[in-house]
Amino acid sequence: MAERILVTGATGFVGAYVMKALRAKWPGASLVGLGGETGALALLGETVRHVDLLDASAVDEAVARAAPDLVIHLAAQASVARGLGSATLTWSVNLAGSLNLALAVAARTPRAVVLFASTSEVYGASFLDSPVDESAPPLPINAYAKSKVAAERMFRDVLPKSCRLIVARPFNHTGPGQRRDFVLPAFASQIALIEAGTQEPRLKVGNLEVARDFLDVRDVADAYVRLCEAAPRLPSRFTVNIASGQPRGLRDLLQMLRDMATTSFTIETDPERMRPVDLPLAYGRPDLIAAVTGWTPRYAMADTLRDVLEAARLAVAAT
């Protein structure tokens, strides 16, 4: 049982779901979140502190104060699209920020379990041999993925052997609350605006001829908690995919959203939404995580998309 838990990125999209899942699993634990907005989790009644991960002294102080036996590191610049336009920020947050956390954990709580939320994007060109398992070599093809590979290796070197390190590589995940610069919320937001009459009935898209392994964010949060619970049974350095094992075509997912819409629209390709490199197929094998935790996805994709669209409608109505 975790008694003192520290979560970075607690006020982000995934962080809010992870905080809820942790509280449900360990209701008596001391749960502290680090995030950019201290009021974002006020309704959960959790302690959230504003800490810039690029401020090494502030990170060290926060870790010393929390004295965690479990650290879940979610904070990141997590958008591939943003990484294309701001590689410097991506590397600073994802590597330098992670290094500050690793140094603080090594100095202040050297027997902690650390779960680092990496990404399936690290496999990069290895996806040409999809589906990938954990033995596939990281061959990253964008700044986001490269920074995550570097952070994985840094954690393995900097954390003392007394720390257990779990490197989780989640595949694409979505759900209510995700920013509109991610593909499925971008579709849903445009549909909501079209339904409200504030956008012309044309939905702009990038490359629809790709297939990805999509998960619900609530399933990913559950996977993180299960991995933390399994930590005593795992090797001291453990890497694992969080995947469904099922590729889903982006065109098919858009059609599912289109069927849920209350008005019709056309689809228009937008060159600005195209990536320089976009692999046609990328999905993973979930065998290892199923074996060590019993985890399997619970949310049907239709339910996930319906929740994403409803969240987009509520956001449009609020503005």
C-alpha atoms as a PDB file:
ATOM      1  CA  MET A   1       0.000   0.000   0.000  1.00  0.00           C
ATOM      2  CA  ALA A   2       1.247   3.473  -0.906  1.00  0.00           C
ATOM      3  CA  GLU A   3       1.136   5.827   2.083  1.00  0.00           C
ATOM      4  CA  ARG A   4       2.590   9.026   0.603  1.00  0.00           C
ATOM      5  CA  ILE A   5       2.061   9.719  -3.090  1.00  0.00           C
ATOM      6  CA  LEU A   6       3.374  12.565  -5.246  1.00  0.00           C
ATOM      7  CA  VAL A   7       1.920  13.183  -8.719  1.00  0.00           C
ATOM      8  CA  THR A   8       3.428  15.647 -11.166  1.00  0.00           C
ATOM      9  CA  GLY A   9       1.172  17.079 -13.838  1.00  0.00           C
ATOM     10  CA  ALA A  10      -1.742  16.636 -11.448  1.00  0.00           C
ATOM     11  CA  THR A  11      -3.745  19.461 -12.988  1.00  0.00           C
ATOM     12  CA  GLY A  12      -3.297  18.235 -16.548  1.00  0.00           C
ATOM     13  CA  PHE A  13      -5.682  16.166 -18.625  1.00  0.00           C
ATOM     14  CA  VAL A  14      -4.435  12.758 -17.468  1.00  0.00           C
ATOM     15  CA  GLY A  15      -3.461  13.966 -13.997  1.00  0.00           C
ATOM     16  CA  ALA A  16      -7.013  14.677 -12.854  1.00  0.00           C
ATOM     17  CA  TYR A  17      -8.074  11.133 -13.747  1.00  0.00           C
ATOM     18  CA  VAL A  18      -5.021   9.611 -12.084  1.00  0.00           C
ATOM     19  CA  MET A  19      -5.621  11.580  -8.886  1.00  0.00           C
ATOM     20  CA  LYS A  20      -9.197  10.241  -8.743  1.00  0.00           C
ATOM     21  CA  ALA A  21      -8.045   6.690  -9.384  1.00  0.00           C
ATOM     22  CA  LEU A  22      -5.359   6.906  -6.696  1.00  0.00           C
ATOM     23  CA  ARG A  23      -7.790   8.250  -4.125  1.00  0.00           C
ATOM     24  CA  ALA A  24     -10.222   5.443  -4.898  1.00  0.00           C
ATOM     25  CA  LYS A  25      -7.471   2.831  -4.552  1.00  0.00           C
ATOM     26  CA  TRP A  26      -5.747   4.217  -1.456  1.00  0.00           C
ATOM     27  CA  PRO A  27      -8.297   6.427   0.351  1.00  0.00           C
ATOM     28  CA  GLY A  28      -6.078   6.868   3.399  1.00  0.00           C
ATOM     29  CA  ALA A  29      -2.905   7.885   1.591  1.00  0.00           C
ATOM     30  CA  SER A  30      -1.323  11.318   1.701  1.00  0.00           C
ATOM     31  CA  LEU A  31      -1.821  12.463  -1.885  1.00  0.00           C
ATOM     32  CA  VAL A  32      -0.002  15.557  -3.144  1.00  0.00           C
ATOM     33  CA  GLY A  33      -0.163  16.886  -6.677  1.00  0.00           C
ATOM     34  CA  LEU A  34       2.238  19.249  -8.412  1.00  0.00           C
ATOM     35  CA  GLY A  35       0.732  21.263 -11.228  1.00  0.00           C
ATOM     36  CA  GLY A  36       0.444  24.567 -12.984  1.00  0.00           C
ATOM     37  CA  GLU A  37      -2.970  25.487 -11.585  1.00  0.00           C
ATOM     38  CA  THR A  38      -3.482  24.960  -7.870  1.00  0.00           C
ATOM     39  CA  GLY A  39      -7.252  25.411  -8.060  1.00  0.00           C
ATOM     40  CA  ALA A  40      -7.870  22.858 -10.795  1.00  0.00           C
ATOM     41  CA  LEU A  41      -8.462  19.980  -8.380  1.00  0.00           C
ATOM     42  CA  ALA A  42     -10.222  21.921  -5.634  1.00  0.00           C
ATOM     43  CA  LEU A  43     -13.400  19.927  -6.145  1.00  0.00           C
ATOM     44  CA  LEU A  44     -11.491  16.749  -5.393  1.00  0.00           C
ATOM     45  CA  GLY A  45     -10.326  18.120  -2.073  1.00  0.00           C
ATOM     46  CA  GLU A  46      -6.716  17.221  -2.832  1.00  0.00           C
ATOM     47  CA  THR A  47      -3.521  19.086  -2.044  1.00  0.00           C
ATOM     48  CA  VAL A  48      -2.120  20.620  -5.216  1.00  0.00           C
ATOM     49  CA  ARG A  49       0.961  22.848  -5.263  1.00  0.00           C
ATOM     50  CA  HIS A  50       2.173  25.073  -8.047  1.00  0.00           C
ATOM     51  CA  VAL A  51       5.720  23.970  -8.847  1.00  0.00           C
ATOM     52  CA  ASP A  52       7.687  24.657 -12.020  1.00  0.00           C
ATOM     53  CA  LEU A  53       9.663  21.499 -12.800  1.00  0.00           C
ATOM     54  CA  LEU A  54      12.348  23.623 -14.415  1.00  0.00           C
ATOM     55  CA  ASP A  55      13.019  25.206 -10.990  1.00  0.00           C
ATOM     56  CA  ALA A  56      15.345  22.630  -9.442  1.00  0.00           C
ATOM     57  CA  SER A  57      15.247  24.069  -5.920  1.00  0.00           C
ATOM     58  CA  ALA A  58      11.441  24.239  -5.923  1.00  0.00           C
ATOM     59  CA  VAL A  59      11.216  20.620  -7.092  1.00  0.00           C
ATOM     60  CA  ASP A  60      13.683  19.510  -4.420  1.00  0.00           C
ATOM     61  CA  GLU A  61      11.696  21.327  -1.735  1.00  0.00           C
ATOM     62  CA  ALA A  62       8.408  19.818  -2.906  1.00  0.00           C
ATOM     63  CA  VAL A  63       9.799  16.277  -2.887  1.00  0.00           C
ATOM     64  CA  ALA A  64      11.391  16.797   0.540  1.00  0.00           C
ATOM     65  CA  ARG A  65       8.100  18.085   1.940  1.00  0.00           C
ATOM     66  CA  ALA A  66       5.988  15.278   0.484  1.00  0.00           C
ATOM     67  CA  ALA A  67       8.530  12.504   1.295  1.00  0.00           C
ATOM     68  CA  PRO A  68       6.718  10.167  -1.091  1.00  0.00           C
ATOM     69  CA  ASP A  69       7.053   6.406  -1.273  1.00  0.00           C
ATOM     70  CA  LEU A  70       5.355   6.556  -4.684  1.00  0.00           C
ATOM     71  CA  VAL A  71       6.019   9.150  -7.397  1.00  0.00           C
ATOM     72  CA  ILE A  72       3.967   9.273 -10.597  1.00  0.00           C
ATOM     73  CA  HIS A  73       5.557  11.587 -13.148  1.00  0.00           C
ATOM     74  CA  LEU A  74       2.970  12.745 -15.678  1.00  0.00           C
ATOM     75  CA  ALA A  75       4.075  16.343 -16.281  1.00  0.00           C
ATOM     76  CA  ALA A  76       5.216  16.843 -19.879  1.00  0.00           C
ATOM     77  CA  GLN A  77       4.856  18.766 -23.072  1.00  0.00           C
ATOM     78  CA  ALA A  78       2.753  15.961 -24.516  1.00  0.00           C
ATOM     79  CA  SER A  79       1.665  17.215 -27.920  1.00  0.00           C
ATOM     80  CA  VAL A  80       3.520  15.939 -30.979  1.00  0.00           C
ATOM     81  CA  ALA A  81       2.142  18.894 -32.955  1.00  0.00           C
ATOM     82  CA  ARG A  82       3.441  21.417 -30.412  1.00  0.00           C
ATOM     83  CA  GLY A  83       6.771  19.642 -30.397  1.00  0.00           C
ATOM     84  CA  LEU A  84       7.085  20.229 -34.129  1.00  0.00           C
ATOM     85  CA  GLY A  85       6.816  23.968 -33.569  1.00  0.00           C
ATOM     86  CA  SER A  86       8.668  24.263 -30.267  1.00  0.00           C
ATOM     87  CA  ALA A  87      11.381  21.662 -29.886  1.00  0.00           C
ATOM     88  CA  THR A  88      13.229  23.743 -27.283  1.00  0.00           C
ATOM     89  CA  LEU A  89      10.249  23.842 -24.913  1.00  0.00           C
ATOM     90  CA  THR A  90       9.594  20.141 -25.455  1.00  0.00           C
ATOM     91  CA  TRP A  91      13.157  19.168 -24.562  1.00  0.00           C
ATOM     92  CA  SER A  92      13.293  21.550 -21.600  1.00  0.00           C
ATOM     93  CA  VAL A  93      10.115  20.285 -19.971  1.00  0.00           C
ATOM     94  CA  ASN A  94      10.419  16.611 -20.851  1.00  0.00           C
ATOM     95  CA  LEU A  95      14.109  16.117 -20.123  1.00  0.00           C
ATOM     96  CA  ALA A  96      15.357  18.960 -17.904  1.00  0.00           C
ATOM     97  CA  GLY A  97      12.196  18.940 -15.781  1.00  0.00           C
ATOM     98  CA  SER A  98      12.381  15.179 -15.426  1.00  0.00           C
ATOM     99  CA  LEU A  99      16.057  15.391 -14.456  1.00  0.00           C
ATOM    100  CA  ASN A 100      15.231  17.840 -11.659  1.00  0.00           C
ATOM    101  CA  LEU A 101      12.627  15.411 -10.343  1.00  0.00           C
ATOM    102  CA  ALA A 102      14.962  12.410 -10.578  1.00  0.00           C
ATOM    103  CA  LEU A 103      17.712  14.238  -8.693  1.00  0.00           C
ATOM    104  CA  ALA A 104      15.287  15.279  -5.958  1.00  0.00           C
ATOM    105  CA  VAL A 105      13.924  11.748  -5.564  1.00  0.00           C
ATOM    106  CA  ALA A 106      17.441  10.293  -5.470  1.00  0.00           C
ATOM    107  CA  ALA A 107      18.450  12.725  -2.729  1.00  0.00           C
ATOM    108  CA  ARG A 108      15.262  12.900  -0.649  1.00  0.00           C
ATOM    109  CA  THR A 109      13.432   9.582  -0.962  1.00  0.00           C
ATOM    110  CA  PRO A 110      15.816   7.017  -2.464  1.00  0.00           C
ATOM    111  CA  ARG A 111      13.572   4.001  -1.822  1.00  0.00           C
ATOM    112  CA  ALA A 112      10.515   5.314  -3.634  1.00  0.00           C
ATOM    113  CA  VAL A 113       8.688   3.670  -6.506  1.00  0.00           C
ATOM    114  CA  VAL A 114       8.761   5.959  -9.554  1.00  0.00           C
ATOM    115  CA  LEU A 115       6.317   5.517 -12.429  1.00  0.00           C
ATOM    116  CA  PHE A 116       7.362   7.560 -15.441  1.00  0.00           C
ATOM    117  CA  ALA A 117       4.657   8.160 -18.038  1.00  0.00           C
ATOM    118  CA  SER A 118       6.611   7.898 -21.274  1.00  0.00           C
ATOM    119  CA  THR A 119       4.849   7.306 -24.587  1.00  0.00           C
ATOM    120  CA  SER A 120       4.381   4.731 -27.321  1.00  0.00           C
ATOM    121  CA  GLU A 121       5.698   7.424 -29.684  1.00  0.00           C
ATOM    122  CA  VAL A 122       9.213   6.325 -28.692  1.00  0.00           C
ATOM    123  CA  TYR A 123       8.879   3.285 -30.982  1.00  0.00           C
ATOM    124  CA  GLY A 124       8.705   5.542 -34.030  1.00  0.00           C
ATOM    125  CA  ALA A 125       9.963   3.697 -37.094  1.00  0.00           C
ATOM    126  CA  SER A 126       9.581   0.364 -35.271  1.00  0.00           C
ATOM    127  CA  PHE A 127       5.849   0.746 -35.905  1.00  0.00           C
ATOM    128  CA  LEU A 128       6.570  -0.338 -39.464  1.00  0.00           C
ATOM    129  CA  ASP A 129       6.592  -3.819 -37.899  1.00  0.00           C
ATOM    130  CA  SER A 130       3.362  -3.293 -35.909  1.00  0.00           C
ATOM    131  CA  PRO A 131       2.198  -4.493 -33.532  1.00  0.00           C
ATOM    132  CA  VAL A 132       5.156  -3.708 -31.254  1.00  0.00           C
ATOM    133  CA  ASP A 133       5.966  -5.232 -27.909  1.00  0.00           C
ATOM    134  CA  GLU A 134       8.442  -3.999 -25.314  1.00  0.00           C
ATOM    135  CA  SER A 135      11.365  -5.652 -27.089  1.00  0.00           C
ATOM    136  CA  ALA A 136      10.981  -3.350 -30.122  1.00  0.00           C
ATOM    137  CA  PRO A 137      13.815  -0.794 -30.319  1.00  0.00           C
ATOM    138  CA  PRO A 138      12.964   2.891 -29.735  1.00  0.00           C
ATOM    139  CA  LEU A 139      13.380   4.658 -33.084  1.00  0.00           C
ATOM    140  CA  PRO A 140      11.755   8.055 -32.394  1.00  0.00           C
ATOM    141  CA  ILE A 141      10.944  10.349 -35.306  1.00  0.00           C
ATOM    142  CA  ASN A 142       9.874  13.597 -33.601  1.00  0.00           C
ATOM    143  CA  ALA A 143      11.100  15.887 -30.824  1.00  0.00           C
ATOM    144  CA  TYR A 144       8.450  14.748 -28.368  1.00  0.00           C
ATOM    145  CA  ALA A 145       9.366  11.089 -28.725  1.00  0.00           C
ATOM    146  CA  LYS A 146      13.113  11.786 -28.705  1.00  0.00           C
ATOM    147  CA  SER A 147      12.815  13.772 -25.467  1.00  0.00           C
ATOM    148  CA  LYS A 148      10.854  10.929 -23.863  1.00  0.00           C
ATOM    149  CA  VAL A 149      13.459   8.319 -24.848  1.00  0.00           C
ATOM    150  CA  ALA A 150      16.152  10.518 -23.342  1.00  0.00           C
ATOM    151  CA  ALA A 151      14.136  10.906 -20.126  1.00  0.00           C
ATOM    152  CA  GLU A 152      13.632   7.142 -19.873  1.00  0.00           C
ATOM    153  CA  ARG A 153      17.385   6.578 -20.069  1.00  0.00           C
ATOM    154  CA  MET A 154      18.103   9.420 -17.668  1.00  0.00           C
ATOM    155  CA  PHE A 155      15.759   7.976 -15.004  1.00  0.00           C
ATOM    156  CA  ARG A 156      17.469   4.594 -15.282  1.00  0.00           C
ATOM    157  CA  ASP A 157      20.873   6.204 -14.706  1.00  0.00           C
ATOM    158  CA  VAL A 158      20.052   8.861 -12.098  1.00  0.00           C
ATOM    159  CA  LEU A 159      17.685   6.995  -9.785  1.00  0.00           C
ATOM    160  CA  PRO A 160      19.553   4.815  -7.280  1.00  0.00           C
ATOM    161  CA  LYS A 161      19.152   1.051  -7.458  1.00  0.00           C
ATOM    162  CA  SER A 162      17.077   1.250  -4.264  1.00  0.00           C
ATOM    163  CA  CYS A 163      14.365   3.019  -6.296  1.00  0.00           C
ATOM    164  CA  ARG A 164      11.990   0.949  -8.384  1.00  0.00           C
ATOM    165  CA  LEU A 165      11.395   2.477 -11.819  1.00  0.00           C
ATOM    166  CA  ILE A 166       8.363   1.670 -13.966  1.00  0.00           C
ATOM    167  CA  VAL A 167       8.502   3.133 -17.465  1.00  0.00           C
ATOM    168  CA  ALA A 168       4.966   3.067 -18.869  1.00  0.00           C
ATOM    169  CA  ARG A 169       4.496   3.577 -22.601  1.00  0.00           C
ATOM    170  CA  PRO A 170       0.814   4.386 -23.130  1.00  0.00           C
ATOM    171  CA  PHE A 171      -0.629   4.454 -26.626  1.00  0.00           C
ATOM    172  CA  ASN A 172      -2.965   7.220 -27.833  1.00  0.00           C
ATOM    173  CA  HIS A 173      -5.547   8.026 -25.189  1.00  0.00           C
ATOM    174  CA  THR A 174      -8.421  10.453 -25.137  1.00  0.00           C
ATOM    175  CA  GLY A 175     -11.446  11.436 -23.101  1.00  0.00           C
ATOM    176  CA  PRO A 176     -13.411  14.395 -21.766  1.00  0.00           C
ATOM    177  CA  GLY A 177     -11.144  17.339 -20.991  1.00  0.00           C
ATOM    178  CA  GLN A 178      -8.405  16.703 -23.542  1.00  0.00           C
ATOM    179  CA  ARG A 179      -7.149  19.780 -25.403  1.00  0.00           C
ATOM    180  CA  ARG A 180      -8.323  20.522 -28.920  1.00  0.00           C
ATOM    181  CA  ASP A 181      -4.829  20.173 -30.395  1.00  0.00           C
ATOM    182  CA  PHE A 182      -5.292  16.397 -30.109  1.00  0.00           C
ATOM    183  CA  VAL A 183      -7.073  14.765 -33.006  1.00  0.00           C
ATOM    184  CA  LEU A 184     -10.323  13.364 -31.577  1.00  0.00           C
ATOM    185  CA  PRO A 185     -11.141  16.405 -29.395  1.00  0.00           C
ATOM    186  CA  ALA A 186     -10.358  18.552 -32.463  1.00  0.00           C
ATOM    187  CA  PHE A 187     -12.992  16.665 -34.433  1.00  0.00           C
ATOM    188  CA  ALA A 188     -15.489  16.821 -31.560  1.00  0.00           C
ATOM    189  CA  SER A 189     -14.952  20.534 -30.963  1.00  0.00           C
ATOM    190  CA  GLN A 190     -15.577  21.354 -34.606  1.00  0.00           C
ATOM    191  CA  ILE A 191     -18.738  19.232 -34.624  1.00  0.00           C
ATOM    192  CA  ALA A 192     -20.011  21.010 -31.522  1.00  0.00           C
ATOM    193  CA  LEU A 193     -19.344  24.404 -33.112  1.00  0.00           C
ATOM    194  CA  ILE A 194     -21.108  23.347 -36.320  1.00  0.00           C
ATOM    195  CA  GLU A 195     -24.101  22.108 -34.318  1.00  0.00           C
ATOM    196  CA  ALA A 196     -24.222  25.450 -32.493  1.00  0.00           C
ATOM    197  CA  GLY A 197     -24.118  27.354 -35.782  1.00  0.00           C
ATOM    198  CA  THR A 198     -20.865  29.157 -34.965  1.00  0.00           C
ATOM    199  CA  GLN A 199     -18.754  27.305 -37.566  1.00  0.00           C
ATOM    200  CA  GLU A 200     -19.559  26.678 -41.191  1.00  0.00           C
ATOM    201  CA  PRO A 201     -20.578  23.048 -41.805  1.00  0.00           C
ATOM    202  CA  ARG A 202     -17.078  22.052 -42.929  1.00  0.00           C
ATOM    203  CA  LEU A 203     -14.892  19.944 -40.668  1.00  0.00           C
ATOM    204  CA  LYS A 204     -11.161  20.379 -41.265  1.00  0.00           C
ATOM    205  CA  VAL A 205      -8.929  17.336 -40.944  1.00  0.00           C
ATOM    206  CA  GLY A 206      -5.383  16.186 -41.486  1.00  0.00           C
ATOM    207  CA  ASN A 207      -4.398  12.735 -42.691  1.00  0.00           C
ATOM    208  CA  LEU A 208      -7.273  10.304 -42.152  1.00  0.00           C
ATOM    209  CA  GLU A 209      -5.506   7.344 -43.778  1.00  0.00           C
ATOM    210  CA  VAL A 210      -3.802   6.212 -40.583  1.00  0.00           C
ATOM    211  CA  ALA A 211      -4.686   3.694 -37.877  1.00  0.00           C
ATOM    212  CA  ARG A 212      -3.757   4.027 -34.226  1.00  0.00           C
ATOM    213  CA  ASP A 213      -4.192   2.178 -30.934  1.00  0.00           C
ATOM    214  CA  PHE A 214      -6.667   4.404 -29.056  1.00  0.00           C
ATOM    215  CA  LEU A 215      -7.541   4.069 -25.361  1.00  0.00           C
ATOM    216  CA  ASP A 216      -9.840   5.839 -22.948  1.00  0.00           C
ATOM    217  CA  VAL A 217      -7.945   8.028 -20.475  1.00  0.00           C
ATOM    218  CA  ARG A 218      -9.823   6.358 -17.606  1.00  0.00           C
ATOM    219  CA  ASP A 219      -8.412   2.997 -18.669  1.00  0.00           C
ATOM    220  CA  VAL A 220      -4.906   4.478 -18.787  1.00  0.00           C
ATOM    221  CA  ALA A 221      -5.308   5.931 -15.276  1.00  0.00           C
ATOM    222  CA  ASP A 222      -6.415   2.502 -14.077  1.00  0.00           C
ATOM    223  CA  ALA A 223      -3.363   0.925 -15.720  1.00  0.00           C
ATOM    224  CA  TYR A 224      -1.023   3.332 -13.925  1.00  0.00           C
ATOM    225  CA  VAL A 225      -2.554   2.524 -10.543  1.00  0.00           C
ATOM    226  CA  ARG A 226      -2.411  -1.224 -11.195  1.00  0.00           C
ATOM    227  CA  LEU A 227       1.257  -0.960 -12.160  1.00  0.00           C
ATOM    228  CA  CYS A 228       2.033   0.953  -8.968  1.00  0.00           C
ATOM    229  CA  GLU A 229       0.216  -1.688  -6.942  1.00  0.00           C
ATOM    230  CA  ALA A 230       2.225  -4.429  -8.686  1.00  0.00           C
ATOM    231  CA  ALA A 231       5.570  -2.660  -8.141  1.00  0.00           C
ATOM    232  CA  PRO A 232       6.862  -5.007  -5.371  1.00  0.00           C
ATOM    233  CA  ARG A 233       6.513  -7.944  -7.786  1.00  0.00           C
ATOM    234  CA  LEU A 234       8.219  -6.228 -10.725  1.00  0.00           C
ATOM    235  CA  PRO A 235      11.911  -5.948 -11.628  1.00  0.00           C
ATOM    236  CA  SER A 236      13.642  -2.839 -10.290  1.00  0.00           C
ATOM    237  CA  ARG A 237      13.723  -1.439 -13.848  1.00  0.00           C
ATOM    238  CA  PHE A 238      10.560  -2.326 -15.759  1.00  0.00           C
ATOM    239  CA  THR A 239       9.208  -1.077 -19.098  1.00  0.00           C
ATOM    240  CA  VAL A 240       5.665  -1.842 -20.223  1.00  0.00           C
ATOM    241  CA  ASN A 241       3.203  -0.921 -22.955  1.00  0.00           C
ATOM    242  CA  ILE A 242      -0.318   0.263 -22.191  1.00  0.00           C
ATOM    243  CA  ALA A 243      -2.160  -0.744 -25.338  1.00  0.00           C
ATOM    244  CA  SER A 244      -5.386  -2.312 -26.545  1.00  0.00           C
ATOM    245  CA  GLY A 245      -3.768  -4.333 -29.307  1.00  0.00           C
ATOM    246  CA  GLN A 246      -6.444  -3.100 -31.702  1.00  0.00           C
ATOM    247  CA  PRO A 247      -5.683  -0.510 -34.411  1.00  0.00           C
ATOM    248  CA  ARG A 248      -8.508   1.885 -35.265  1.00  0.00           C
ATOM    249  CA  GLY A 249      -8.640   3.847 -38.492  1.00  0.00           C
ATOM    250  CA  LEU A 250      -8.928   7.590 -37.985  1.00  0.00           C
ATOM    251  CA  ARG A 251     -11.460   7.793 -40.795  1.00  0.00           C
ATOM    252  CA  ASP A 252     -13.622   5.205 -39.022  1.00  0.00           C
ATOM    253  CA  LEU A 253     -13.450   7.098 -35.721  1.00  0.00           C
ATOM    254  CA  LEU A 254     -14.471  10.308 -37.464  1.00  0.00           C
ATOM    255  CA  GLN A 255     -17.406   8.485 -39.030  1.00  0.00           C
ATOM    256  CA  MET A 256     -18.500   7.330 -35.561  1.00  0.00           C
ATOM    257  CA  LEU A 257     -18.477  10.949 -34.376  1.00  0.00           C
ATOM    258  CA  ARG A 258     -20.281  12.019 -37.543  1.00  0.00           C
ATOM    259  CA  ASP A 259     -23.033   9.503 -36.830  1.00  0.00           C
ATOM    260  CA  MET A 260     -23.462  11.044 -33.355  1.00  0.00           C
ATOM    261  CA  ALA A 261     -23.740  14.605 -34.699  1.00  0.00           C
ATOM    262  CA  THR A 262     -27.096  16.348 -34.854  1.00  0.00           C
ATOM    263  CA  THR A 263     -26.339  18.121 -38.132  1.00  0.00           C
ATOM    264  CA  SER A 264     -24.585  17.271 -41.376  1.00  0.00           C
ATOM    265  CA  PHE A 265     -21.246  18.645 -42.573  1.00  0.00           C
ATOM    266  CA  THR A 266     -18.594  18.115 -45.206  1.00  0.00           C
ATOM    267  CA  ILE A 267     -14.997  17.078 -44.553  1.00  0.00           C
ATOM    268  CA  GLU A 268     -12.124  19.190 -45.847  1.00  0.00           C
ATOM    269  CA  THR A 269      -8.407  18.361 -45.775  1.00  0.00           C
ATOM    270  CA  ASP A 270      -6.354  21.111 -44.158  1.00  0.00           C
ATOM    271  CA  PRO A 271      -2.640  21.138 -45.131  1.00  0.00           C
ATOM    272  CA  GLU A 272      -1.824  22.843 -41.812  1.00  0.00           C
ATOM    273  CA  ARG A 273      -3.015  19.733 -39.978  1.00  0.00           C
ATOM    274  CA  MET A 274      -0.734  17.332 -41.865  1.00  0.00           C
ATOM    275  CA  ARG A 275       2.393  15.986 -40.134  1.00  0.00           C
ATOM    276  CA  PRO A 276       5.746  15.859 -41.943  1.00  0.00           C
ATOM    277  CA  VAL A 277       5.994  12.132 -41.091  1.00  0.00           C
ATOM    278  CA  ASP A 278       2.847  10.121 -40.396  1.00  0.00           C
ATOM    279  CA  LEU A 279       3.185   6.347 -40.180  1.00  0.00           C
ATOM    280  CA  PRO A 280       0.208   4.523 -41.672  1.00  0.00           C
ATOM    281  CA  LEU A 281      -0.152   2.003 -38.825  1.00  0.00           C
ATOM    282  CA  ALA A 282       0.898   2.081 -35.163  1.00  0.00           C
ATOM    283  CA  TYR A 283      -0.372  -0.262 -32.483  1.00  0.00           C
ATOM    284  CA  GLY A 284       1.006  -2.340 -29.655  1.00  0.00           C
ATOM    285  CA  ARG A 285       0.798  -5.649 -27.851  1.00  0.00           C
ATOM    286  CA  PRO A 286      -0.792  -5.543 -24.369  1.00  0.00           C
ATOM    287  CA  ASP A 287       0.374  -9.031 -23.319  1.00  0.00           C
ATOM    288  CA  LEU A 288       2.890  -7.923 -20.689  1.00  0.00           C
ATOM    289  CA  ILE A 289       0.668  -5.520 -18.762  1.00  0.00           C
ATOM    290  CA  ALA A 290      -2.159  -8.053 -18.825  1.00  0.00           C
ATOM    291  CA  ALA A 291       0.183 -10.696 -17.417  1.00  0.00           C
ATOM    292  CA  VAL A 292       1.581  -8.603 -14.542  1.00  0.00           C
ATOM    293  CA  THR A 293      -1.555  -6.674 -13.532  1.00  0.00           C
ATOM    294  CA  GLY A 294      -4.594  -8.318 -15.140  1.00  0.00           C
ATOM    295  CA  TRP A 295      -5.407  -4.982 -16.819  1.00  0.00           C
ATOM    296  CA  THR A 296      -7.530  -4.831 -19.935  1.00  0.00           C
ATOM    297  CA  PRO A 297      -9.420  -1.820 -21.365  1.00  0.00           C
ATOM    298  CA  ARG A 298     -12.969  -1.483 -20.061  1.00  0.00           C
ATOM    299  CA  TYR A 299     -14.336   1.448 -22.058  1.00  0.00           C
ATOM    300  CA  ALA A 300     -15.846   0.848 -25.482  1.00  0.00           C
ATOM    301  CA  MET A 301     -14.628   3.330 -28.091  1.00  0.00           C
ATOM    302  CA  ALA A 302     -18.189   4.402 -28.906  1.00  0.00           C
ATOM    303  CA  ASP A 303     -18.704   5.409 -25.264  1.00  0.00           C
ATOM    304  CA  THR A 304     -15.397   7.263 -25.175  1.00  0.00           C
ATOM    305  CA  LEU A 305     -16.228   9.220 -28.328  1.00  0.00           C
ATOM    306  CA  ARG A 306     -19.708  10.020 -27.051  1.00  0.00           C
ATOM    307  CA  ASP A 307     -18.200  11.425 -23.835  1.00  0.00           C
ATOM    308  CA  VAL A 308     -15.634  13.475 -25.787  1.00  0.00           C
ATOM    309  CA  LEU A 309     -18.360  14.934 -28.004  1.00  0.00           C
ATOM    310  CA  GLU A 310     -20.620  15.736 -25.068  1.00  0.00           C
ATOM    311  CA  ALA A 311     -17.735  17.507 -23.302  1.00  0.00           C
ATOM    312  CA  ALA A 312     -17.146  19.551 -26.464  1.00  0.00           C
ATOM    313  CA  ARG A 313     -20.833  20.497 -26.596  1.00  0.00           C
ATOM    314  CA  LEU A 314     -20.761  21.615 -22.971  1.00  0.00           C
ATOM    315  CA  ALA A 315     -17.638  23.694 -23.627  1.00  0.00           C
ATOM    316  CA  VAL A 316     -19.283  25.411 -26.602  1.00  0.00           C
ATOM    317  CA  ALA A 317     -22.459  26.054 -24.609  1.00  0.00           C
ATOM    318  CA  ALA A 318     -20.421  27.600 -21.797  1.00  0.00           C
ATOM    319  CA  THR A 319     -18.856  30.125 -24.162  1.00  0.00           C
END
